[in-house]
Amino acid sequence: MSEVAISIKYENVEICCVDVKFGSDRLRVIVYYHPPRYTAADEQYIDLSLRCFSGLLSGVASQAILMGDFNFPKTDWIQYTAPANSFYDKFMTFVNENGLDSFNLCYNQHGGKTYRI
């Protein structure tokens, strides 16, 4: 396993990335946290986070897992819907453009079903 260097321009993004080798195969694991706030400053954090994700996912010749707490509890991964606002729109656009999919069924702290990528 080896830590993946993340550019200093993303120092305020709560993220960790490692490459795990299995013989000749490699799995990139990215772990992320977005606080449950939705202010103008948080929108800038989302923009910065998505740029960071793009850099970490680009050029990866192997599989990648992007996981963590994104704090988008109103995303319905079964119906593939989300509220129409800039936070959710940017996130869902990123998911679509990068061919990401939800994997785990979880319950959020409010008892509702949520699927997280």
C-alpha atoms as a PDB file:
ATOM      1  CA  MET A   1       0.000   0.000   0.000  1.00  0.00           C
ATOM      2  CA  SER A   2       1.277   3.485  -0.793  1.00  0.00           C
ATOM      3  CA  GLU A   3      -0.030   6.922   0.049  1.00  0.00           C
ATOM      4  CA  VAL A   4      -0.979   9.049  -2.954  1.00  0.00           C
ATOM      5  CA  ALA A   5       0.367  12.593  -2.823  1.00  0.00           C
ATOM      6  CA  ILE A   6      -2.350  15.238  -2.888  1.00  0.00           C
ATOM      7  CA  SER A   7      -1.506  18.728  -4.117  1.00  0.00           C
ATOM      8  CA  ILE A   8      -1.076  21.450  -1.493  1.00  0.00           C
ATOM      9  CA  LYS A   9      -3.875  23.408  -3.204  1.00  0.00           C
ATOM     10  CA  TYR A  10      -6.275  20.834  -1.703  1.00  0.00           C
ATOM     11  CA  GLU A  11      -4.920  21.102   1.847  1.00  0.00           C
ATOM     12  CA  ASN A  12      -8.312  22.244   3.171  1.00  0.00           C
ATOM     13  CA  VAL A  13     -10.159  19.262   1.690  1.00  0.00           C
ATOM     14  CA  GLU A  14     -10.700  16.435   4.178  1.00  0.00           C
ATOM     15  CA  ILE A  15      -9.406  13.620   2.001  1.00  0.00           C
ATOM     16  CA  CYS A  16      -7.008  10.690   2.101  1.00  0.00           C
ATOM     17  CA  CYS A  17      -5.886   8.549  -0.833  1.00  0.00           C
ATOM     18  CA  VAL A  18      -3.882   5.321  -1.059  1.00  0.00           C
ATOM     19  CA  ASP A  19      -3.052   2.808  -3.766  1.00  0.00           C
ATOM     20  CA  VAL A  20      -3.326  -0.827  -2.737  1.00  0.00           C
ATOM     21  CA  LYS A  21      -1.497  -3.400  -4.844  1.00  0.00           C
ATOM     22  CA  PHE A  22      -2.736  -6.951  -5.376  1.00  0.00           C
ATOM     23  CA  GLY A  23      -0.044  -8.655  -7.427  1.00  0.00           C
ATOM     24  CA  SER A  24       0.015  -6.670 -10.673  1.00  0.00           C
ATOM     25  CA  ASP A  25      -3.385  -5.044  -9.988  1.00  0.00           C
ATOM     26  CA  ARG A  26      -3.858  -1.753  -8.185  1.00  0.00           C
ATOM     27  CA  LEU A  27      -6.874  -0.314  -6.358  1.00  0.00           C
ATOM     28  CA  ARG A  28      -7.028   3.405  -5.612  1.00  0.00           C
ATOM     29  CA  VAL A  29      -8.987   4.126  -2.417  1.00  0.00           C
ATOM     30  CA  ILE A  30     -10.132   7.700  -1.779  1.00  0.00           C
ATOM     31  CA  VAL A  31     -11.789   8.580   1.546  1.00  0.00           C
ATOM     32  CA  TYR A  32     -13.569  11.932   1.923  1.00  0.00           C
ATOM     33  CA  TYR A  33     -15.613  13.995   4.355  1.00  0.00           C
ATOM     34  CA  HIS A  34     -17.864  16.956   3.652  1.00  0.00           C
ATOM     35  CA  PRO A  35     -19.345  18.674   6.722  1.00  0.00           C
ATOM     36  CA  PRO A  36     -23.161  18.938   6.726  1.00  0.00           C
ATOM     37  CA  ARG A  37     -23.252  22.643   5.862  1.00  0.00           C
ATOM     38  CA  TYR A  38     -24.525  24.343   2.726  1.00  0.00           C
ATOM     39  CA  THR A  39     -23.230  27.927   2.710  1.00  0.00           C
ATOM     40  CA  ALA A  40     -21.469  29.846  -0.074  1.00  0.00           C
ATOM     41  CA  ALA A  41     -18.119  28.870   1.469  1.00  0.00           C
ATOM     42  CA  ASP A  42     -19.221  25.227   1.464  1.00  0.00           C
ATOM     43  CA  GLU A  43     -20.070  25.468  -2.215  1.00  0.00           C
ATOM     44  CA  GLN A  44     -16.478  26.562  -2.828  1.00  0.00           C
ATOM     45  CA  TYR A  45     -15.374  23.549  -0.756  1.00  0.00           C
ATOM     46  CA  ILE A  46     -17.468  21.268  -2.993  1.00  0.00           C
ATOM     47  CA  ASP A  47     -15.934  22.827  -6.129  1.00  0.00           C
ATOM     48  CA  LEU A  48     -12.440  22.340  -4.725  1.00  0.00           C
ATOM     49  CA  SER A  49     -13.269  18.781  -3.650  1.00  0.00           C
ATOM     50  CA  LEU A  50     -14.577  17.831  -7.094  1.00  0.00           C
ATOM     51  CA  ARG A  51     -11.423  19.193  -8.744  1.00  0.00           C
ATOM     52  CA  CYS A  52      -9.366  17.135  -6.287  1.00  0.00           C
ATOM     53  CA  PHE A  53     -11.414  13.987  -7.051  1.00  0.00           C
ATOM     54  CA  SER A  54     -10.952  14.574 -10.783  1.00  0.00           C
ATOM     55  CA  GLY A  55      -7.201  14.747 -10.388  1.00  0.00           C
ATOM     56  CA  LEU A  56      -7.078  11.606  -8.266  1.00  0.00           C
ATOM     57  CA  LEU A  57      -9.311   9.656 -10.642  1.00  0.00           C
ATOM     58  CA  SER A  58      -7.729  10.811 -13.903  1.00  0.00           C
ATOM     59  CA  GLY A  59      -5.123   8.554 -15.354  1.00  0.00           C
ATOM     60  CA  VAL A  60      -5.901   5.730 -12.919  1.00  0.00           C
ATOM     61  CA  ALA A  61      -5.343   2.598 -14.992  1.00  0.00           C
ATOM     62  CA  SER A  62      -7.034   0.432 -12.389  1.00  0.00           C
ATOM     63  CA  GLN A  63     -10.177   0.394 -10.295  1.00  0.00           C
ATOM     64  CA  ALA A  64     -10.957   3.171  -7.826  1.00  0.00           C
ATOM     65  CA  ILE A  65     -13.233   3.459  -4.820  1.00  0.00           C
ATOM     66  CA  LEU A  66     -14.413   6.889  -3.712  1.00  0.00           C
ATOM     67  CA  MET A  67     -16.043   6.617  -0.303  1.00  0.00           C
ATOM     68  CA  GLY A  68     -16.835   8.663   2.737  1.00  0.00           C
ATOM     69  CA  ASP A  69     -19.462  10.959   4.140  1.00  0.00           C
ATOM     70  CA  PHE A  70     -20.526  13.371   1.423  1.00  0.00           C
ATOM     71  CA  ASN A  71     -23.495  14.674   3.441  1.00  0.00           C
ATOM     72  CA  PHE A  72     -25.971  14.615   0.587  1.00  0.00           C
ATOM     73  CA  PRO A  73     -28.711  12.788   2.504  1.00  0.00           C
ATOM     74  CA  LYS A  74     -31.510  13.671   0.072  1.00  0.00           C
ATOM     75  CA  THR A  75     -29.919  11.752  -2.810  1.00  0.00           C
ATOM     76  CA  ASP A  76     -32.137   8.807  -3.707  1.00  0.00           C
ATOM     77  CA  TRP A  77     -29.878   6.260  -5.423  1.00  0.00           C
ATOM     78  CA  ILE A  78     -32.738   3.883  -6.223  1.00  0.00           C
ATOM     79  CA  GLN A  79     -34.770   6.509  -8.115  1.00  0.00           C
ATOM     80  CA  TYR A  80     -31.566   8.380  -9.038  1.00  0.00           C
ATOM     81  CA  THR A  81     -32.949  11.727  -7.942  1.00  0.00           C
ATOM     82  CA  ALA A  82     -31.689  14.606  -5.841  1.00  0.00           C
ATOM     83  CA  PRO A  83     -32.934  18.074  -4.926  1.00  0.00           C
ATOM     84  CA  ALA A  84     -32.450  20.705  -7.600  1.00  0.00           C
ATOM     85  CA  ASN A  85     -29.821  22.954  -6.040  1.00  0.00           C
ATOM     86  CA  SER A  86     -26.238  23.788  -6.889  1.00  0.00           C
ATOM     87  CA  PHE A  87     -24.699  21.429  -4.299  1.00  0.00           C
ATOM     88  CA  TYR A  88     -26.567  18.349  -5.453  1.00  0.00           C
ATOM     89  CA  ASP A  89     -26.376  19.356  -9.131  1.00  0.00           C
ATOM     90  CA  LYS A  90     -22.577  19.622  -9.063  1.00  0.00           C
ATOM     91  CA  PHE A  91     -22.207  16.351  -7.190  1.00  0.00           C
ATOM     92  CA  MET A  92     -24.581  14.388  -9.440  1.00  0.00           C
ATOM     93  CA  THR A  93     -22.942  15.836 -12.565  1.00  0.00           C
ATOM     94  CA  PHE A  94     -19.568  14.657 -11.251  1.00  0.00           C
ATOM     95  CA  VAL A  95     -20.964  11.179 -10.526  1.00  0.00           C
ATOM     96  CA  ASN A  96     -22.415  10.940 -14.043  1.00  0.00           C
ATOM     97  CA  GLU A  97     -19.380  12.302 -15.868  1.00  0.00           C
ATOM     98  CA  ASN A  98     -17.047   9.888 -14.071  1.00  0.00           C
ATOM     99  CA  GLY A  99     -19.182   6.761 -14.368  1.00  0.00           C
ATOM    100  CA  LEU A 100     -19.516   6.362 -10.600  1.00  0.00           C
ATOM    101  CA  ASP A 101     -22.220   4.287  -8.963  1.00  0.00           C
ATOM    102  CA  SER A 102     -23.603   3.675  -5.506  1.00  0.00           C
ATOM    103  CA  PHE A 103     -22.466   0.511  -3.793  1.00  0.00           C
ATOM    104  CA  ASN A 104     -23.537   0.379  -0.132  1.00  0.00           C
ATOM    105  CA  LEU A 105     -26.953   0.676   1.444  1.00  0.00           C
ATOM    106  CA  CYS A 106     -26.738   2.756   4.621  1.00  0.00           C
ATOM    107  CA  TYR A 107     -29.116   4.469   6.976  1.00  0.00           C
ATOM    108  CA  ASN A 108     -28.568   8.107   7.733  1.00  0.00           C
ATOM    109  CA  GLN A 109     -28.714   9.543  11.241  1.00  0.00           C
ATOM    110  CA  HIS A 110     -32.348  10.524  10.696  1.00  0.00           C
ATOM    111  CA  GLY A 111     -33.430   6.911  10.076  1.00  0.00           C
ATOM    112  CA  GLY A 112     -34.030   7.338   6.334  1.00  0.00           C
ATOM    113  CA  LYS A 113     -32.503   5.047   3.765  1.00  0.00           C
ATOM    114  CA  THR A 114     -29.603   6.575   1.905  1.00  0.00           C
ATOM    115  CA  TYR A 115     -27.299   5.117  -0.653  1.00  0.00           C
ATOM    116  CA  ARG A 116     -23.773   6.439  -0.692  1.00  0.00           C
ATOM    117  CA  ILE A 117     -21.108   6.038  -3.323  1.00  0.00           C
END
